[in-house]
């Protein structure tokens, strides 16, 4: 019963559109491949990701306003915060994405600092 219902839920079959939380809990317990995805709300990563989003939004706006190096500073802070959250969540794809973007933005920031100092 559990495997068939898990398959229906995963494949979005019409019969599986209505199911109780008890059934879902049972499936999660029985099927090792089915997991519940939950974003933590009660720990520091919740606020870190939202503050990181705010920094990324401001950094993007400053980029559109052509305001270097401030756009790179805000973007670097936001990407650093997201990289830390991704590492805490053990989400490899987010870690790779944010570390790569952090490296490229940090290179641009370093270039602007070098031009300012020399």
N, C-alpha and C. Protein backbone atom coordinates (compact mmCIF):
# COMPACT_ATOMS: atom_id res chain seq x y z
N UNK A 1 0.82 -1.18 0.00
CA UNK A 1 0.00 0.00 0.00
C UNK A 1 0.87 1.26 0.00
N UNK A 2 1.90 1.27 0.84
CA UNK A 2 2.75 2.45 0.97
C UNK A 2 3.48 2.78 -0.32
N UNK A 3 4.03 1.77 -0.99
CA UNK A 3 4.79 2.01 -2.22
C UNK A 3 3.91 2.55 -3.33
N UNK A 4 2.72 2.00 -3.48
CA UNK A 4 1.81 2.46 -4.53
C UNK A 4 1.38 3.91 -4.28
N UNK A 5 1.05 4.23 -3.04
CA UNK A 5 0.63 5.59 -2.71
C UNK A 5 1.79 6.56 -2.88
N UNK A 6 2.99 6.16 -2.49
CA UNK A 6 4.15 7.01 -2.69
C UNK A 6 4.37 7.27 -4.17
N UNK A 7 4.20 6.24 -4.99
CA UNK A 7 4.35 6.41 -6.43
C UNK A 7 3.29 7.37 -6.97
N UNK A 8 2.05 7.23 -6.51
CA UNK A 8 0.99 8.11 -6.96
C UNK A 8 1.28 9.56 -6.58
N UNK A 9 1.76 9.77 -5.37
CA UNK A 9 2.08 11.13 -4.92
C UNK A 9 3.20 11.70 -5.77
N UNK A 10 4.23 10.90 -5.99
CA UNK A 10 5.38 11.39 -6.76
C UNK A 10 5.02 11.65 -8.21
N UNK A 11 4.13 10.85 -8.78
CA UNK A 11 3.78 10.99 -10.19
C UNK A 11 2.57 11.91 -10.41
N UNK A 12 2.03 12.47 -9.32
CA UNK A 12 0.89 13.40 -9.41
C UNK A 12 -0.32 12.78 -10.09
N UNK A 13 -0.60 11.54 -9.80
CA UNK A 13 -1.80 10.91 -10.33
C UNK A 13 -3.01 11.54 -9.65
N UNK A 14 -4.12 11.71 -10.37
CA UNK A 14 -5.29 12.37 -9.79
C UNK A 14 -5.80 11.72 -8.51
N UNK A 15 -5.68 10.39 -8.38
CA UNK A 15 -6.17 9.73 -7.18
C UNK A 15 -5.41 10.15 -5.94
N UNK A 16 -4.22 10.67 -6.11
CA UNK A 16 -3.37 11.00 -4.96
C UNK A 16 -3.42 12.48 -4.59
N UNK A 17 -4.31 13.23 -5.18
CA UNK A 17 -4.34 14.65 -4.90
C UNK A 17 -4.82 14.96 -3.48
N UNK A 18 -5.62 14.10 -2.90
CA UNK A 18 -6.09 14.30 -1.53
C UNK A 18 -5.57 13.16 -0.67
N UNK A 19 -4.75 13.50 0.31
CA UNK A 19 -4.23 12.52 1.23
C UNK A 19 -3.98 13.20 2.56
N UNK A 20 -4.07 12.43 3.61
CA UNK A 20 -3.93 13.00 4.95
C UNK A 20 -2.46 13.04 5.35
N UNK A 21 -2.19 13.87 6.34
CA UNK A 21 -0.82 13.98 6.82
C UNK A 21 -0.36 12.67 7.47
N UNK A 22 -1.29 11.90 8.01
CA UNK A 22 -0.92 10.61 8.60
C UNK A 22 -0.38 9.65 7.53
N UNK A 23 -1.03 9.65 6.37
CA UNK A 23 -0.58 8.79 5.27
C UNK A 23 0.80 9.22 4.79
N UNK A 24 0.99 10.52 4.68
CA UNK A 24 2.29 11.03 4.24
C UNK A 24 3.37 10.64 5.24
N UNK A 25 3.10 10.79 6.52
CA UNK A 25 4.07 10.40 7.55
C UNK A 25 4.40 8.92 7.46
N UNK A 26 3.38 8.09 7.20
CA UNK A 26 3.59 6.65 7.07
C UNK A 26 4.48 6.33 5.88
N UNK A 27 4.23 7.01 4.77
CA UNK A 27 5.04 6.79 3.56
C UNK A 27 6.48 7.20 3.81
N UNK A 28 6.68 8.34 4.45
CA UNK A 28 8.03 8.81 4.72
C UNK A 28 8.77 7.82 5.61
N UNK A 29 8.06 7.24 6.57
CA UNK A 29 8.69 6.26 7.47
C UNK A 29 9.05 4.97 6.72
N UNK A 30 8.20 4.55 5.78
CA UNK A 30 8.38 3.27 5.10
C UNK A 30 9.31 3.34 3.90
N UNK A 31 9.31 4.45 3.20
CA UNK A 31 10.06 4.56 1.96
C UNK A 31 11.31 5.42 2.16
N UNK A 32 12.51 4.85 2.05
CA UNK A 32 13.73 5.64 2.27
C UNK A 32 13.98 6.69 1.18
N UNK A 33 13.40 6.52 0.00
CA UNK A 33 13.62 7.46 -1.09
C UNK A 33 12.71 8.68 -1.02
N UNK A 34 11.67 8.62 -0.21
CA UNK A 34 10.73 9.72 -0.10
C UNK A 34 11.08 10.50 1.16
N UNK A 35 11.31 11.78 1.00
CA UNK A 35 11.63 12.62 2.15
C UNK A 35 10.75 13.86 2.15
N UNK A 36 10.63 14.44 3.28
CA UNK A 36 9.87 15.68 3.41
C UNK A 36 10.87 16.83 3.35
N UNK A 37 10.59 17.81 2.50
CA UNK A 37 11.46 18.97 2.39
C UNK A 37 10.86 20.07 3.25
N UNK A 38 11.62 20.50 4.23
CA UNK A 38 11.14 21.51 5.15
C UNK A 38 12.23 22.57 5.32
N UNK A 39 11.88 23.82 5.10
CA UNK A 39 12.81 24.90 5.35
C UNK A 39 12.75 25.24 6.82
N UNK A 40 13.89 25.20 7.51
CA UNK A 40 13.87 25.50 8.94
C UNK A 40 13.40 26.93 9.20
N UNK A 41 12.54 27.09 10.20
CA UNK A 41 12.02 28.41 10.54
C UNK A 41 12.51 28.83 11.91
N UNK A 42 12.91 27.89 12.71
CA UNK A 42 13.23 28.20 14.10
C UNK A 42 14.73 28.26 14.39
N UNK A 43 15.56 28.41 13.35
CA UNK A 43 16.99 28.53 13.61
C UNK A 43 17.56 29.74 12.89
N UNK A 44 18.85 29.94 13.05
CA UNK A 44 19.51 31.14 12.52
C UNK A 44 19.56 31.17 11.00
N UNK A 45 19.44 30.02 10.33
CA UNK A 45 19.52 30.02 8.87
C UNK A 45 18.32 30.70 8.23
N UNK A 46 17.18 30.68 8.90
CA UNK A 46 15.99 31.33 8.35
C UNK A 46 16.23 32.82 8.16
N UNK A 47 16.72 33.48 9.20
CA UNK A 47 16.96 34.92 9.12
C UNK A 47 18.16 35.23 8.27
N UNK A 48 19.17 34.39 8.29
CA UNK A 48 20.37 34.62 7.47
C UNK A 48 20.03 34.62 6.00
N UNK A 49 19.20 33.67 5.56
CA UNK A 49 18.85 33.62 4.14
C UNK A 49 18.05 34.85 3.72
N UNK A 50 17.14 35.32 4.59
CA UNK A 50 16.34 36.50 4.22
C UNK A 50 17.18 37.77 4.23
N UNK A 51 18.07 37.91 5.16
CA UNK A 51 18.98 39.07 5.17
C UNK A 51 19.90 39.00 3.97
N UNK A 52 20.38 37.78 3.63
CA UNK A 52 21.20 37.60 2.43
C UNK A 52 20.44 37.98 1.18
N UNK A 53 19.16 37.63 1.11
CA UNK A 53 18.32 38.03 -0.02
C UNK A 53 18.24 39.55 -0.13
N UNK A 54 18.08 40.23 1.01
CA UNK A 54 18.00 41.69 1.00
C UNK A 54 19.29 42.29 0.45
N UNK A 55 20.44 41.76 0.88
CA UNK A 55 21.73 42.25 0.38
C UNK A 55 21.85 42.00 -1.12
N UNK A 56 21.40 40.84 -1.58
CA UNK A 56 21.47 40.54 -3.02
C UNK A 56 20.55 41.45 -3.83
N UNK A 57 19.39 41.75 -3.31
CA UNK A 57 18.47 42.65 -4.01
C UNK A 57 19.07 44.06 -4.10
N UNK A 58 19.60 44.54 -2.98
CA UNK A 58 20.23 45.87 -3.00
C UNK A 58 21.43 45.87 -3.93
N UNK A 59 22.23 44.82 -3.89
CA UNK A 59 23.40 44.72 -4.79
C UNK A 59 23.00 44.74 -6.25
N UNK A 60 21.91 44.06 -6.58
CA UNK A 60 21.42 44.05 -7.96
C UNK A 60 20.91 45.43 -8.37
N UNK A 61 20.22 46.10 -7.46
CA UNK A 61 19.75 47.45 -7.76
C UNK A 61 20.92 48.41 -7.97
N UNK A 62 21.95 48.28 -7.14
CA UNK A 62 23.12 49.14 -7.28
C UNK A 62 23.87 48.83 -8.58
N UNK A 63 23.85 47.59 -9.01
CA UNK A 63 24.47 47.24 -10.30
C UNK A 63 23.72 47.93 -11.44
N UNK A 64 22.40 47.91 -11.37
CA UNK A 64 21.60 48.57 -12.40
C UNK A 64 21.79 50.08 -12.40
N UNK A 65 22.11 50.62 -11.24
CA UNK A 65 22.37 52.06 -11.13
C UNK A 65 23.84 52.40 -11.42
N UNK A 66 24.62 51.37 -11.79
CA UNK A 66 26.04 51.51 -12.11
C UNK A 66 26.80 52.21 -10.98
N UNK A 67 26.75 51.57 -9.81
CA UNK A 67 27.39 52.12 -8.62
C UNK A 67 28.45 51.18 -8.05
N UNK A 68 29.51 50.89 -8.85
CA UNK A 68 30.57 50.09 -8.26
C UNK A 68 31.38 50.95 -7.30
N UNK A 69 32.01 50.44 -6.33
CA UNK A 69 32.11 49.05 -5.90
C UNK A 69 31.01 48.64 -4.92
N UNK A 70 30.06 49.56 -4.61
CA UNK A 70 29.04 49.23 -3.62
C UNK A 70 28.17 48.05 -4.05
N UNK A 71 27.91 47.95 -5.34
CA UNK A 71 27.12 46.81 -5.80
C UNK A 71 27.84 45.49 -5.51
N UNK A 72 29.16 45.49 -5.68
CA UNK A 72 29.94 44.27 -5.40
C UNK A 72 30.00 43.98 -3.90
N UNK A 73 30.07 45.02 -3.10
CA UNK A 73 30.12 44.83 -1.65
C UNK A 73 28.83 44.18 -1.16
N UNK A 74 27.69 44.74 -1.56
CA UNK A 74 26.40 44.18 -1.12
C UNK A 74 26.19 42.77 -1.67
N UNK A 75 26.54 42.55 -2.92
CA UNK A 75 26.38 41.23 -3.51
C UNK A 75 27.29 40.21 -2.82
N UNK A 76 28.52 40.61 -2.51
CA UNK A 76 29.45 39.71 -1.82
C UNK A 76 28.91 39.32 -0.45
N UNK A 77 28.37 40.28 0.28
CA UNK A 77 27.81 39.96 1.60
C UNK A 77 26.63 39.00 1.45
N UNK A 78 25.73 39.27 0.51
CA UNK A 78 24.57 38.39 0.31
C UNK A 78 24.97 36.99 -0.10
N UNK A 79 25.92 36.88 -1.01
CA UNK A 79 26.36 35.55 -1.46
C UNK A 79 27.08 34.81 -0.34
N UNK A 80 27.84 35.51 0.47
CA UNK A 80 28.51 34.87 1.60
C UNK A 80 27.47 34.31 2.58
N UNK A 81 26.46 35.09 2.85
CA UNK A 81 25.41 34.62 3.77
C UNK A 81 24.71 33.39 3.20
N UNK A 82 24.41 33.40 1.90
CA UNK A 82 23.75 32.25 1.29
C UNK A 82 24.67 31.04 1.24
N UNK A 83 25.97 31.25 1.03
CA UNK A 83 26.91 30.12 1.02
C UNK A 83 26.97 29.46 2.39
N UNK A 84 26.93 30.26 3.45
CA UNK A 84 26.94 29.71 4.81
C UNK A 84 25.66 28.92 5.07
N UNK A 85 24.52 29.46 4.66
CA UNK A 85 23.24 28.76 4.83
C UNK A 85 23.25 27.45 4.04
N UNK A 86 23.73 27.49 2.81
CA UNK A 86 23.77 26.28 1.98
C UNK A 86 24.67 25.22 2.61
N UNK A 87 25.79 25.64 3.18
CA UNK A 87 26.68 24.69 3.85
C UNK A 87 26.01 24.09 5.08
N UNK A 88 25.30 24.90 5.82
CA UNK A 88 24.59 24.41 7.01
C UNK A 88 23.51 23.40 6.62
N UNK A 89 22.84 23.65 5.49
CA UNK A 89 21.79 22.76 5.03
C UNK A 89 22.34 21.54 4.28
N UNK A 90 23.64 21.49 4.05
CA UNK A 90 24.27 20.42 3.27
C UNK A 90 23.68 20.32 1.87
N UNK A 91 23.39 21.46 1.28
CA UNK A 91 22.82 21.51 -0.07
C UNK A 91 23.95 21.81 -1.05
N UNK A 92 24.48 20.77 -1.67
CA UNK A 92 25.67 20.92 -2.52
C UNK A 92 25.45 21.85 -3.70
N UNK A 93 24.28 21.78 -4.31
CA UNK A 93 24.05 22.63 -5.48
C UNK A 93 24.06 24.11 -5.09
N UNK A 94 23.47 24.45 -3.96
CA UNK A 94 23.51 25.84 -3.50
C UNK A 94 24.92 26.25 -3.09
N UNK A 95 25.66 25.34 -2.49
CA UNK A 95 27.04 25.66 -2.11
C UNK A 95 27.87 25.96 -3.36
N UNK A 96 27.78 25.09 -4.36
CA UNK A 96 28.55 25.29 -5.59
C UNK A 96 28.16 26.60 -6.27
N UNK A 97 26.87 26.85 -6.40
CA UNK A 97 26.39 28.07 -7.05
C UNK A 97 26.89 29.32 -6.32
N UNK A 98 26.68 29.37 -5.01
CA UNK A 98 27.03 30.57 -4.26
C UNK A 98 28.53 30.78 -4.14
N UNK A 99 29.30 29.71 -4.00
CA UNK A 99 30.75 29.87 -3.93
C UNK A 99 31.30 30.31 -5.27
N UNK A 100 30.79 29.77 -6.37
CA UNK A 100 31.23 30.21 -7.70
C UNK A 100 30.90 31.68 -7.91
N UNK A 101 29.66 32.06 -7.64
CA UNK A 101 29.27 33.47 -7.82
C UNK A 101 30.04 34.38 -6.88
N UNK A 102 30.28 33.92 -5.67
CA UNK A 102 31.06 34.70 -4.71
C UNK A 102 32.47 34.95 -5.23
N UNK A 103 33.07 33.93 -5.84
CA UNK A 103 34.41 34.09 -6.41
C UNK A 103 34.44 35.11 -7.54
N UNK A 104 33.45 35.04 -8.42
CA UNK A 104 33.43 35.98 -9.55
C UNK A 104 33.17 37.41 -9.08
N UNK A 105 32.26 37.59 -8.15
CA UNK A 105 31.98 38.93 -7.64
C UNK A 105 33.16 39.45 -6.82
N UNK A 106 33.80 38.59 -6.06
CA UNK A 106 34.97 39.01 -5.28
C UNK A 106 36.12 39.45 -6.19
N UNK A 107 36.28 38.79 -7.33
CA UNK A 107 37.31 39.22 -8.28
C UNK A 107 37.01 40.62 -8.82
N UNK A 108 35.76 40.88 -9.11
CA UNK A 108 35.38 42.21 -9.59
C UNK A 108 35.58 43.26 -8.50
N UNK A 109 35.23 42.92 -7.28
CA UNK A 109 35.44 43.84 -6.16
C UNK A 109 36.92 44.11 -5.97
N UNK A 110 37.75 43.07 -6.03
CA UNK A 110 39.20 43.25 -5.88
C UNK A 110 39.76 44.14 -6.99
N UNK A 111 39.26 43.97 -8.20
CA UNK A 111 39.72 44.81 -9.32
C UNK A 111 39.37 46.28 -9.08
N UNK A 112 38.18 46.54 -8.58
CA UNK A 112 37.78 47.92 -8.31
C UNK A 112 38.59 48.51 -7.15
N UNK A 113 38.86 47.73 -6.14
CA UNK A 113 39.70 48.21 -5.03
C UNK A 113 41.11 48.51 -5.51
N UNK A 114 41.64 47.66 -6.37
CA UNK A 114 42.98 47.86 -6.92
C UNK A 114 43.03 49.15 -7.74
N UNK A 115 42.01 49.38 -8.58
CA UNK A 115 41.96 50.61 -9.36
C UNK A 115 41.85 51.84 -8.48
N UNK A 116 41.13 51.72 -7.37
CA UNK A 116 40.96 52.86 -6.47
C UNK A 116 42.27 53.18 -5.75
N UNK A 117 43.00 52.14 -5.35
CA UNK A 117 44.24 52.35 -4.59
C UNK A 117 45.43 52.72 -5.47
N UNK A 118 45.42 52.34 -6.72
CA UNK A 118 46.58 52.62 -7.58
C UNK A 118 46.35 53.74 -8.51
